[in-house]
Structures are given as structure tokens and as C-alpha cells.
Amino acid sequence: MVVKEYICEAGKKSKVVIEDFSVEIKKDATIILGLAGIGLIGPIIANTMIEQIEDMKEIGFVTSEYLPPISVFYSGQLKHPFRIYYSSKYNLIVAICEVPFEIPSAYNDLAKTINNWALNEDVKANQVVVFQGIPQRGMIEDFPVYYAAEEELMDFLEEKGAKMFEKGIIIGPESTILNEALTNKLQGYALFTPVYQIPTPEGAASVLELLNRIYKMDIDTTKLLEEGKEIKEKMLDLAEKAQEFQRKQIAGEESADSYTQYYR
């Protein structure tokens, strides 16, 4: 049976803009997409890779009419909120979006634009990887990494240490990107880890350690683990103070006004 593959059309409301054509993207690159979601593991993972991979170079950005009215800057320098980088050493394209897409109608448009660019003659990418946090209540003691992938990738990911997710759904722009990848024969997979409702660097560290094994990188996650420990200690401290307040309220020893002192 002969199967003819077509590259999907780009979205109507978004586009990829490449500014640096001096960087040649090698065939069969992997696209790492760090999109803003619960726990912010996507941007944390992408930023860490951008900072530590020595030949990582910014080559362009993604524009969309659906991006929220938010600007991003580092040390006073304005940055596009959805940037694209490339490392020739690892043949990795890293895209980071530091603002959330709040309009669901943006997702399909964005997915078409990214897949169209990934499969065109200038790129010819092979894989796309997305991340999602699994929101948890209370303290998280362990950060296992789960996967949802196309069948041909499953054994490989398990060999590298990822765990199977038996059944579930992926939501947000990550879902439309994976669905579009399936349609266009671009290999796609998602990695999940437990997260808080706030930034969760420990979860990002667990995913990065798996990516190190998959793509033979040496990303250092020590700083992320230390940040995660500090966040956990602050959360424990707040929980203890809240419990202390409740005990005193029951005993009638303290007024409600004093509760706010714990958070100053």
C-alpha cells in the first residue's frame, strides 16, 4: 500500500518567523516545546536547556494574534514571549512560550503552524515533545515521569525510565500539537510529572534527567532540586502556621486579624 504524506497548511492567525538563516537545522531534529501550563514545567525545562547547552542559539520566534498582551524581559532586555532556539550539537530545536494561551481557539491554529514549519524543506524534523504537569494536593515526595507516546516509541521510553500512563487525556495546546503530529506522521510524545499549582522545579528536574538519558545530554539539575526544596520548606512552614492558627482559634486565644501576620 502506498501512503502519500502531505504537510499540513499553516494556521491563519499564527506564523513562525526565522531571523537567523546562518544556522542550518539538520534533518530529523527533535522539537522540545516548553509551553506555559500548571507547574510551569515546560518553560523551566526549556529555559534550563537554553542556559546550559553551549551552542544553543536563538533563531526566531512564533507570533500569534491569540497571544495575551504580556511582554517579557530579562535584565531589562525585551524578549519575544514565544522564542525558538537550536542546538546543532544535539540536533534539538527548543521552543519556549512563557505566557499562556488563554483562548482555546488558538490551539488548533498554533498546532498547524508548528507542524507545517517542522515538516517543511528547511527543517524536516522527526519528533516533537511536549510536557504537562499532573496537579497534586499536599506535599509531593516523589516526581516520577510518565509518558504518552506513539506505539513505536513506547518501549524506548520505558527503557529510559519513563512510566506508562494507562489512560487519560491531554488538554491545552499540547494536545492539538500531538494530534496534528499524528496526522502528519511527525513522531510525538508527552511527558508528565506531578506538580503543585505553583512553579515546580523538582518536577522539571525529573523530566530533564529523563531527557538527559534520551538525548545523551548532561544538563545539571542541582539548582532546580535546591529551588524545589526551598519551595517545599516554605509550603510546610505556611501549613504549620495555618494549623497553629486553627488550634488557637479553637482555643479562643487569637482573633482573625492576627492570622494575616503569618503571611507578612
C-alpha atoms as a PDB file:
ATOM      1  CA  MET A   1       0.000   0.000   0.000  1.00  0.00           C
ATOM      2  CA  VAL A   2       1.387   3.397  -0.989  1.00  0.00           C
ATOM      3  CA  VAL A   3       0.845   6.203   1.513  1.00  0.00           C
ATOM      4  CA  LYS A   4       1.435   9.759   0.367  1.00  0.00           C
ATOM      5  CA  GLU A   5       2.127  12.242   3.166  1.00  0.00           C
ATOM      6  CA  TYR A   6       1.156  15.874   2.937  1.00  0.00           C
ATOM      7  CA  ILE A   7       2.428  18.748   5.030  1.00  0.00           C
ATOM      8  CA  CYS A   8      -0.450  20.466   6.748  1.00  0.00           C
ATOM      9  CA  GLU A   9      -1.219  24.079   5.964  1.00  0.00           C
ATOM     10  CA  ALA A  10      -0.020  26.698   8.430  1.00  0.00           C
ATOM     11  CA  GLY A  11      -2.521  28.324  10.765  1.00  0.00           C
ATOM     12  CA  LYS A  12      -4.230  31.527   9.677  1.00  0.00           C
ATOM     13  CA  LYS A  13      -3.585  33.512  12.874  1.00  0.00           C
ATOM     14  CA  SER A  14      -0.011  32.478  13.707  1.00  0.00           C
ATOM     15  CA  LYS A  15       3.346  32.135  11.964  1.00  0.00           C
ATOM     16  CA  VAL A  16       6.951  31.114  12.553  1.00  0.00           C
ATOM     17  CA  VAL A  17       9.476  33.889  11.912  1.00  0.00           C
ATOM     18  CA  ILE A  18      13.107  32.815  11.401  1.00  0.00           C
ATOM     19  CA  GLU A  19      15.584  35.689  11.817  1.00  0.00           C
ATOM     20  CA  ASP A  20      18.911  33.831  11.683  1.00  0.00           C
ATOM     21  CA  PHE A  21      19.360  31.815   8.476  1.00  0.00           C
ATOM     22  CA  SER A  22      23.078  31.297   9.177  1.00  0.00           C
ATOM     23  CA  VAL A  23      22.101  28.361  11.405  1.00  0.00           C
ATOM     24  CA  GLU A  24      21.388  25.247   9.354  1.00  0.00           C
ATOM     25  CA  ILE A  25      18.949  22.861  11.023  1.00  0.00           C
ATOM     26  CA  LYS A  26      19.954  19.265  10.414  1.00  0.00           C
ATOM     27  CA  LYS A  27      17.405  16.725   9.226  1.00  0.00           C
ATOM     28  CA  ASP A  28      15.497  14.648  11.813  1.00  0.00           C
ATOM     29  CA  ALA A  29      15.740  17.239  14.596  1.00  0.00           C
ATOM     30  CA  THR A  30      13.642  16.885  17.746  1.00  0.00           C
ATOM     31  CA  ILE A  31      11.456  19.818  18.765  1.00  0.00           C
ATOM     32  CA  ILE A  32      11.195  20.393  22.523  1.00  0.00           C
ATOM     33  CA  LEU A  33       8.136  22.553  23.241  1.00  0.00           C
ATOM     34  CA  GLY A  34       8.091  24.313  26.610  1.00  0.00           C
ATOM     35  CA  LEU A  35       4.609  25.789  26.883  1.00  0.00           C
ATOM     36  CA  ALA A  36       3.264  27.543  29.976  1.00  0.00           C
ATOM     37  CA  GLY A  37       0.932  25.299  31.973  1.00  0.00           C
ATOM     38  CA  ILE A  38       0.267  24.150  35.538  1.00  0.00           C
ATOM     39  CA  GLY A  39       3.534  23.922  37.451  1.00  0.00           C
ATOM     40  CA  LEU A  40       5.319  25.745  34.586  1.00  0.00           C
ATOM     41  CA  ILE A  41       7.493  22.687  33.958  1.00  0.00           C
ATOM     42  CA  GLY A  42       7.618  23.394  30.202  1.00  0.00           C
ATOM     43  CA  PRO A  43       9.248  26.849  30.458  1.00  0.00           C
ATOM     44  CA  ILE A  44      11.506  25.695  33.319  1.00  0.00           C
ATOM     45  CA  ILE A  45      12.761  22.743  31.245  1.00  0.00           C
ATOM     46  CA  ALA A  46      13.248  24.868  28.123  1.00  0.00           C
ATOM     47  CA  ASN A  47      14.980  27.725  29.976  1.00  0.00           C
ATOM     48  CA  THR A  48      17.367  25.314  31.695  1.00  0.00           C
ATOM     49  CA  MET A  49      18.326  23.743  28.361  1.00  0.00           C
ATOM     50  CA  ILE A  50      18.779  27.158  26.747  1.00  0.00           C
ATOM     51  CA  GLU A  51      21.044  28.299  29.598  1.00  0.00           C
ATOM     52  CA  GLN A  52      23.197  25.167  29.772  1.00  0.00           C
ATOM     53  CA  ILE A  53      23.630  23.904  26.200  1.00  0.00           C
ATOM     54  CA  GLU A  54      26.672  25.808  24.992  1.00  0.00           C
ATOM     55  CA  ASP A  55      25.820  26.016  21.292  1.00  0.00           C
ATOM     56  CA  MET A  56      22.129  26.813  21.800  1.00  0.00           C
ATOM     57  CA  LYS A  57      21.299  29.814  19.602  1.00  0.00           C
ATOM     58  CA  GLU A  58      18.134  31.873  19.221  1.00  0.00           C
ATOM     59  CA  ILE A  59      16.970  31.657  15.617  1.00  0.00           C
ATOM     60  CA  GLY A  60      13.446  33.079  15.602  1.00  0.00           C
ATOM     61  CA  PHE A  61      10.045  33.243  17.225  1.00  0.00           C
ATOM     62  CA  VAL A  62       6.371  32.378  16.843  1.00  0.00           C
ATOM     63  CA  THR A  63       3.767  35.100  16.504  1.00  0.00           C
ATOM     64  CA  SER A  64       0.046  34.679  17.090  1.00  0.00           C
ATOM     65  CA  GLU A  65      -2.919  37.007  17.230  1.00  0.00           C
ATOM     66  CA  TYR A  66      -4.041  34.899  20.196  1.00  0.00           C
ATOM     67  CA  LEU A  67      -1.015  35.622  22.394  1.00  0.00           C
ATOM     68  CA  PRO A  68      -2.119  37.548  25.515  1.00  0.00           C
ATOM     69  CA  PRO A  69      -0.993  41.184  25.931  1.00  0.00           C
ATOM     70  CA  ILE A  70       2.080  40.344  28.016  1.00  0.00           C
ATOM     71  CA  SER A  71       5.715  41.379  27.401  1.00  0.00           C
ATOM     72  CA  VAL A  72       8.746  39.507  28.723  1.00  0.00           C
ATOM     73  CA  PHE A  73      12.160  40.951  29.577  1.00  0.00           C
ATOM     74  CA  TYR A  74      15.390  39.701  31.164  1.00  0.00           C
ATOM     75  CA  SER A  75      17.850  42.125  32.823  1.00  0.00           C
ATOM     76  CA  GLY A  76      15.976  44.970  31.153  1.00  0.00           C
ATOM     77  CA  GLN A  77      16.120  43.424  27.664  1.00  0.00           C
ATOM     78  CA  LEU A  78      12.813  42.754  25.950  1.00  0.00           C
ATOM     79  CA  LYS A  79      12.326  39.218  24.647  1.00  0.00           C
ATOM     80  CA  HIS A  80       9.654  37.772  22.417  1.00  0.00           C
ATOM     81  CA  PRO A  81       7.351  35.658  24.628  1.00  0.00           C
ATOM     82  CA  PHE A  82       7.487  32.651  22.220  1.00  0.00           C
ATOM     83  CA  ARG A  83      11.090  32.090  21.137  1.00  0.00           C
ATOM     84  CA  ILE A  84      12.823  29.363  19.069  1.00  0.00           C
ATOM     85  CA  TYR A  85      16.379  28.113  19.689  1.00  0.00           C
ATOM     86  CA  TYR A  86      18.545  25.461  18.043  1.00  0.00           C
ATOM     87  CA  SER A  87      21.476  23.291  19.161  1.00  0.00           C
ATOM     88  CA  SER A  88      23.455  21.636  16.378  1.00  0.00           C
ATOM     89  CA  LYS A  89      25.364  19.527  18.920  1.00  0.00           C
ATOM     90  CA  TYR A  90      22.217  17.658  19.990  1.00  0.00           C
ATOM     91  CA  ASN A  91      20.114  18.464  16.898  1.00  0.00           C
ATOM     92  CA  LEU A  92      17.443  19.910  19.183  1.00  0.00           C
ATOM     93  CA  ILE A  93      15.025  22.733  18.479  1.00  0.00           C
ATOM     94  CA  VAL A  94      13.840  24.242  21.762  1.00  0.00           C
ATOM     95  CA  ALA A  95      10.784  26.491  21.669  1.00  0.00           C
ATOM     96  CA  ILE A  96       9.714  28.304  24.832  1.00  0.00           C
ATOM     97  CA  CYS A  97       6.441  30.162  25.351  1.00  0.00           C
ATOM     98  CA  GLU A  98       6.405  31.979  28.681  1.00  0.00           C
ATOM     99  CA  VAL A  99       2.822  33.228  28.507  1.00  0.00           C
ATOM    100  CA  PRO A 100      -0.309  31.059  28.462  1.00  0.00           C
ATOM    101  CA  PHE A 101      -2.684  30.890  25.506  1.00  0.00           C
ATOM    102  CA  GLU A 102      -5.979  31.717  27.186  1.00  0.00           C
ATOM    103  CA  ILE A 103      -8.191  31.311  24.100  1.00  0.00           C
ATOM    104  CA  PRO A 104      -8.843  27.639  23.154  1.00  0.00           C
ATOM    105  CA  SER A 105      -9.403  28.609  19.514  1.00  0.00           C
ATOM    106  CA  ALA A 106      -5.673  29.442  19.386  1.00  0.00           C
ATOM    107  CA  TYR A 107      -4.620  25.831  19.906  1.00  0.00           C
ATOM    108  CA  ASN A 108      -5.510  24.341  16.514  1.00  0.00           C
ATOM    109  CA  ASP A 109      -4.113  27.345  14.697  1.00  0.00           C
ATOM    110  CA  LEU A 110      -0.827  27.130  16.605  1.00  0.00           C
ATOM    111  CA  ALA A 111      -0.569  23.354  16.103  1.00  0.00           C
ATOM    112  CA  LYS A 112      -0.936  23.689  12.335  1.00  0.00           C
ATOM    113  CA  THR A 113       1.692  26.431  12.161  1.00  0.00           C
ATOM    114  CA  ILE A 114       4.249  24.495  14.222  1.00  0.00           C
ATOM    115  CA  ASN A 115       3.716  21.227  12.340  1.00  0.00           C
ATOM    116  CA  ASN A 116       3.840  22.983   8.976  1.00  0.00           C
ATOM    117  CA  TRP A 117       7.195  24.559   9.879  1.00  0.00           C
ATOM    118  CA  ALA A 118       8.566  21.343  11.432  1.00  0.00           C
ATOM    119  CA  LEU A 119       7.942  19.346   8.252  1.00  0.00           C
ATOM    120  CA  ASN A 120       8.980  21.882   5.634  1.00  0.00           C
ATOM    121  CA  GLU A 121      12.129  21.623   3.496  1.00  0.00           C
ATOM    122  CA  ASP A 122      14.167  23.912   5.769  1.00  0.00           C
ATOM    123  CA  VAL A 123      13.617  21.791   8.887  1.00  0.00           C
ATOM    124  CA  LYS A 124      12.391  18.219   8.245  1.00  0.00           C
ATOM    125  CA  ALA A 125      12.066  17.467  11.957  1.00  0.00           C
ATOM    126  CA  ASN A 126      11.447  13.937  13.204  1.00  0.00           C
ATOM    127  CA  GLN A 127       9.943  14.332  16.685  1.00  0.00           C
ATOM    128  CA  VAL A 128       8.039  16.781  18.831  1.00  0.00           C
ATOM    129  CA  VAL A 129       7.994  16.560  22.637  1.00  0.00           C
ATOM    130  CA  VAL A 130       5.556  18.320  24.990  1.00  0.00           C
ATOM    131  CA  PHE A 131       5.152  18.389  28.772  1.00  0.00           C
ATOM    132  CA  GLN A 132       2.248  18.556  31.194  1.00  0.00           C
ATOM    133  CA  GLY A 133       2.073  18.730  34.961  1.00  0.00           C
ATOM    134  CA  ILE A 134      -0.250  16.482  36.962  1.00  0.00           C
ATOM    135  CA  PRO A 135      -1.674  18.723  39.708  1.00  0.00           C
ATOM    136  CA  GLN A 136      -1.370  17.233  43.204  1.00  0.00           C
ATOM    137  CA  ARG A 137      -2.675  18.306  46.589  1.00  0.00           C
ATOM    138  CA  GLY A 138      -0.409  18.436  49.600  1.00  0.00           C
ATOM    139  CA  MET A 139       3.315  17.759  49.626  1.00  0.00           C
ATOM    140  CA  ILE A 140       4.832  15.799  46.736  1.00  0.00           C
ATOM    141  CA  GLU A 141       7.554  13.426  47.867  1.00  0.00           C
ATOM    142  CA  ASP A 142       8.373  11.797  44.548  1.00  0.00           C
ATOM    143  CA  PHE A 143       8.398  13.059  40.960  1.00  0.00           C
ATOM    144  CA  PRO A 144       8.130  10.058  38.610  1.00  0.00           C
ATOM    145  CA  VAL A 145       7.929  10.792  34.889  1.00  0.00           C
ATOM    146  CA  TYR A 146       5.134   9.246  32.835  1.00  0.00           C
ATOM    147  CA  TYR A 147       4.712   9.148  29.079  1.00  0.00           C
ATOM    148  CA  ALA A 148       2.031   9.046  26.418  1.00  0.00           C
ATOM    149  CA  ALA A 149       3.537   8.207  23.043  1.00  0.00           C
ATOM    150  CA  GLU A 150       3.070   6.654  19.650  1.00  0.00           C
ATOM    151  CA  GLU A 151       3.434   2.869  19.705  1.00  0.00           C
ATOM    152  CA  GLU A 152       6.900   2.748  18.140  1.00  0.00           C
ATOM    153  CA  LEU A 153       8.313   4.958  20.926  1.00  0.00           C
ATOM    154  CA  MET A 154       6.826   3.192  23.938  1.00  0.00           C
ATOM    155  CA  ASP A 155       9.470   0.504  24.532  1.00  0.00           C
ATOM    156  CA  PHE A 156      12.257   3.038  24.034  1.00  0.00           C
ATOM    157  CA  LEU A 157      10.806   5.474  26.583  1.00  0.00           C
ATOM    158  CA  GLU A 158      10.300   2.719  29.147  1.00  0.00           C
ATOM    159  CA  GLU A 159      13.900   1.590  28.676  1.00  0.00           C
ATOM    160  CA  LYS A 160      14.975   5.144  29.506  1.00  0.00           C
ATOM    161  CA  GLY A 161      12.955   5.148  32.735  1.00  0.00           C
ATOM    162  CA  ALA A 162       9.600   6.705  31.854  1.00  0.00           C
ATOM    163  CA  LYS A 163       6.452   5.012  33.167  1.00  0.00           C
ATOM    164  CA  MET A 164       3.331   4.229  31.171  1.00  0.00           C
ATOM    165  CA  PHE A 165       0.165   6.219  31.771  1.00  0.00           C
ATOM    166  CA  GLU A 166      -2.601   3.625  31.352  1.00  0.00           C
ATOM    167  CA  LYS A 167      -5.352   6.025  30.317  1.00  0.00           C
ATOM    168  CA  GLY A 168      -6.001   9.726  30.349  1.00  0.00           C
ATOM    169  CA  ILE A 169      -6.385  12.877  28.332  1.00  0.00           C
ATOM    170  CA  ILE A 170      -4.051  15.680  27.348  1.00  0.00           C
ATOM    171  CA  ILE A 171      -5.525  19.169  27.288  1.00  0.00           C
ATOM    172  CA  GLY A 172      -4.484  22.574  26.011  1.00  0.00           C
ATOM    173  CA  PRO A 173      -2.196  23.442  23.095  1.00  0.00           C
ATOM    174  CA  GLU A 174      -0.061  20.352  23.774  1.00  0.00           C
ATOM    175  CA  SER A 175      -2.997  18.122  22.790  1.00  0.00           C
ATOM    176  CA  THR A 176      -3.597  19.796  19.424  1.00  0.00           C
ATOM    177  CA  ILE A 177       0.124  19.750  18.618  1.00  0.00           C
ATOM    178  CA  LEU A 178       0.285  15.997  19.281  1.00  0.00           C
ATOM    179  CA  ASN A 179      -2.926  15.356  17.326  1.00  0.00           C
ATOM    180  CA  GLU A 180      -1.581  17.316  14.369  1.00  0.00           C
ATOM    181  CA  ALA A 181       1.715  15.417  14.624  1.00  0.00           C
ATOM    182  CA  LEU A 182      -0.158  12.104  14.478  1.00  0.00           C
ATOM    183  CA  THR A 183      -1.981  13.271  11.369  1.00  0.00           C
ATOM    184  CA  ASN A 184       1.247  14.343   9.666  1.00  0.00           C
ATOM    185  CA  LYS A 185       3.472  11.392  10.654  1.00  0.00           C
ATOM    186  CA  LEU A 186       5.685  13.537  12.870  1.00  0.00           C
ATOM    187  CA  GLN A 187       6.579  11.397  15.906  1.00  0.00           C
ATOM    188  CA  GLY A 188       5.168  12.911  19.061  1.00  0.00           C
ATOM    189  CA  TYR A 189       5.145  12.131  22.741  1.00  0.00           C
ATOM    190  CA  ALA A 190       4.217  13.786  26.016  1.00  0.00           C
ATOM    191  CA  LEU A 191       5.956  13.575  29.390  1.00  0.00           C
ATOM    192  CA  PHE A 192       4.063  14.106  32.650  1.00  0.00           C
ATOM    193  CA  THR A 193       5.126  14.568  36.258  1.00  0.00           C
ATOM    194  CA  PRO A 194       3.337  15.612  39.474  1.00  0.00           C
ATOM    195  CA  VAL A 195       3.276  19.375  40.117  1.00  0.00           C
ATOM    196  CA  TYR A 196       1.927  21.939  42.532  1.00  0.00           C
ATOM    197  CA  GLN A 197      -0.338  24.767  41.392  1.00  0.00           C
ATOM    198  CA  ILE A 198       2.802  26.929  41.552  1.00  0.00           C
ATOM    199  CA  PRO A 199       6.132  26.555  39.665  1.00  0.00           C
ATOM    200  CA  THR A 200       7.570  23.115  40.408  1.00  0.00           C
ATOM    201  CA  PRO A 201      11.309  22.976  39.632  1.00  0.00           C
ATOM    202  CA  GLU A 202      11.689  19.478  41.147  1.00  0.00           C
ATOM    203  CA  GLY A 203       9.220  18.103  38.600  1.00  0.00           C
ATOM    204  CA  ALA A 204      11.108  19.850  35.803  1.00  0.00           C
ATOM    205  CA  ALA A 205      14.358  18.334  37.141  1.00  0.00           C
ATOM    206  CA  SER A 206      12.914  14.804  36.939  1.00  0.00           C
ATOM    207  CA  VAL A 207      11.880  15.344  33.324  1.00  0.00           C
ATOM    208  CA  LEU A 208      15.274  16.834  32.448  1.00  0.00           C
ATOM    209  CA  GLU A 209      17.069  13.832  33.918  1.00  0.00           C
ATOM    210  CA  LEU A 210      14.993  11.605  31.621  1.00  0.00           C
ATOM    211  CA  LEU A 211      15.753  13.874  28.635  1.00  0.00           C
ATOM    212  CA  ASN A 212      19.449  13.587  29.511  1.00  0.00           C
ATOM    213  CA  ARG A 213      19.210   9.819  29.057  1.00  0.00           C
ATOM    214  CA  ILE A 214      17.160  10.052  25.875  1.00  0.00           C
ATOM    215  CA  TYR A 215      19.242  12.666  24.048  1.00  0.00           C
ATOM    216  CA  LYS A 216      22.627  11.953  25.682  1.00  0.00           C
ATOM    217  CA  MET A 217      22.858  15.394  27.302  1.00  0.00           C
ATOM    218  CA  ASP A 218      24.449  16.437  30.578  1.00  0.00           C
ATOM    219  CA  ILE A 219      22.030  19.086  31.875  1.00  0.00           C
ATOM    220  CA  ASP A 220      22.743  19.829  35.548  1.00  0.00           C
ATOM    221  CA  THR A 221      19.548  19.753  37.654  1.00  0.00           C
ATOM    222  CA  THR A 222      21.161  20.532  41.035  1.00  0.00           C
ATOM    223  CA  LYS A 223      19.909  24.128  41.118  1.00  0.00           C
ATOM    224  CA  LEU A 224      16.351  23.072  40.268  1.00  0.00           C
ATOM    225  CA  LEU A 225      16.354  20.469  43.050  1.00  0.00           C
ATOM    226  CA  GLU A 226      17.568  23.082  45.536  1.00  0.00           C
ATOM    227  CA  GLU A 227      14.846  25.517  44.424  1.00  0.00           C
ATOM    228  CA  GLY A 228      12.246  22.770  44.795  1.00  0.00           C
ATOM    229  CA  LYS A 229      13.461  22.007  48.310  1.00  0.00           C
ATOM    230  CA  GLU A 230      13.175  25.697  49.259  1.00  0.00           C
ATOM    231  CA  ILE A 231       9.614  25.872  47.875  1.00  0.00           C
ATOM    232  CA  LYS A 232       8.644  22.737  49.816  1.00  0.00           C
ATOM    233  CA  GLU A 233      10.102  24.145  53.052  1.00  0.00           C
ATOM    234  CA  LYS A 234       8.150  27.388  52.618  1.00  0.00           C
ATOM    235  CA  MET A 235       4.943  25.443  51.945  1.00  0.00           C
ATOM    236  CA  LEU A 236       5.498  23.308  55.035  1.00  0.00           C
ATOM    237  CA  ASP A 237       6.132  26.436  57.103  1.00  0.00           C
ATOM    238  CA  LEU A 238       2.897  28.031  55.882  1.00  0.00           C
ATOM    239  CA  ALA A 239       0.970  24.817  56.567  1.00  0.00           C
ATOM    240  CA  GLU A 240       2.339  24.660  60.125  1.00  0.00           C
ATOM    241  CA  LYS A 241       1.428  28.289  60.761  1.00  0.00           C
ATOM    242  CA  ALA A 242      -2.073  27.729  59.411  1.00  0.00           C
ATOM    243  CA  GLN A 243      -2.520  24.715  61.716  1.00  0.00           C
ATOM    244  CA  GLU A 244      -1.211  26.733  64.669  1.00  0.00           C
ATOM    245  CA  PHE A 245      -3.713  29.466  63.910  1.00  0.00           C
ATOM    246  CA  GLN A 246      -6.564  26.936  63.748  1.00  0.00           C
ATOM    247  CA  ARG A 247      -5.595  25.498  67.123  1.00  0.00           C
ATOM    248  CA  LYS A 248      -5.550  28.947  68.671  1.00  0.00           C
ATOM    249  CA  GLN A 249      -8.883  29.828  67.087  1.00  0.00           C
ATOM    250  CA  ILE A 250     -10.439  26.739  68.606  1.00  0.00           C
ATOM    251  CA  ALA A 251      -8.957  27.685  71.971  1.00  0.00           C
ATOM    252  CA  GLY A 252     -10.255  31.259  71.555  1.00  0.00           C
ATOM    253  CA  GLU A 253      -6.816  32.707  72.071  1.00  0.00           C
ATOM    254  CA  GLU A 254      -6.401  34.742  68.919  1.00  0.00           C
ATOM    255  CA  SER A 255      -8.517  36.973  66.732  1.00  0.00           C
ATOM    256  CA  ALA A 256      -8.878  36.606  62.963  1.00  0.00           C
ATOM    257  CA  ASP A 257      -6.904  39.813  62.425  1.00  0.00           C
ATOM    258  CA  SER A 258      -3.732  38.223  63.694  1.00  0.00           C
ATOM    259  CA  TYR A 259      -3.948  35.436  61.070  1.00  0.00           C
ATOM    260  CA  THR A 260      -2.563  37.790  58.440  1.00  0.00           C
ATOM    261  CA  GLN A 261       0.607  38.212  60.489  1.00  0.00           C
ATOM    262  CA  TYR A 262       1.662  34.740  59.462  1.00  0.00           C
ATOM    263  CA  TYR A 263       1.835  35.809  55.825  1.00  0.00           C
ATOM    264  CA  ARG A 264       3.695  39.093  56.227  1.00  0.00           C
END
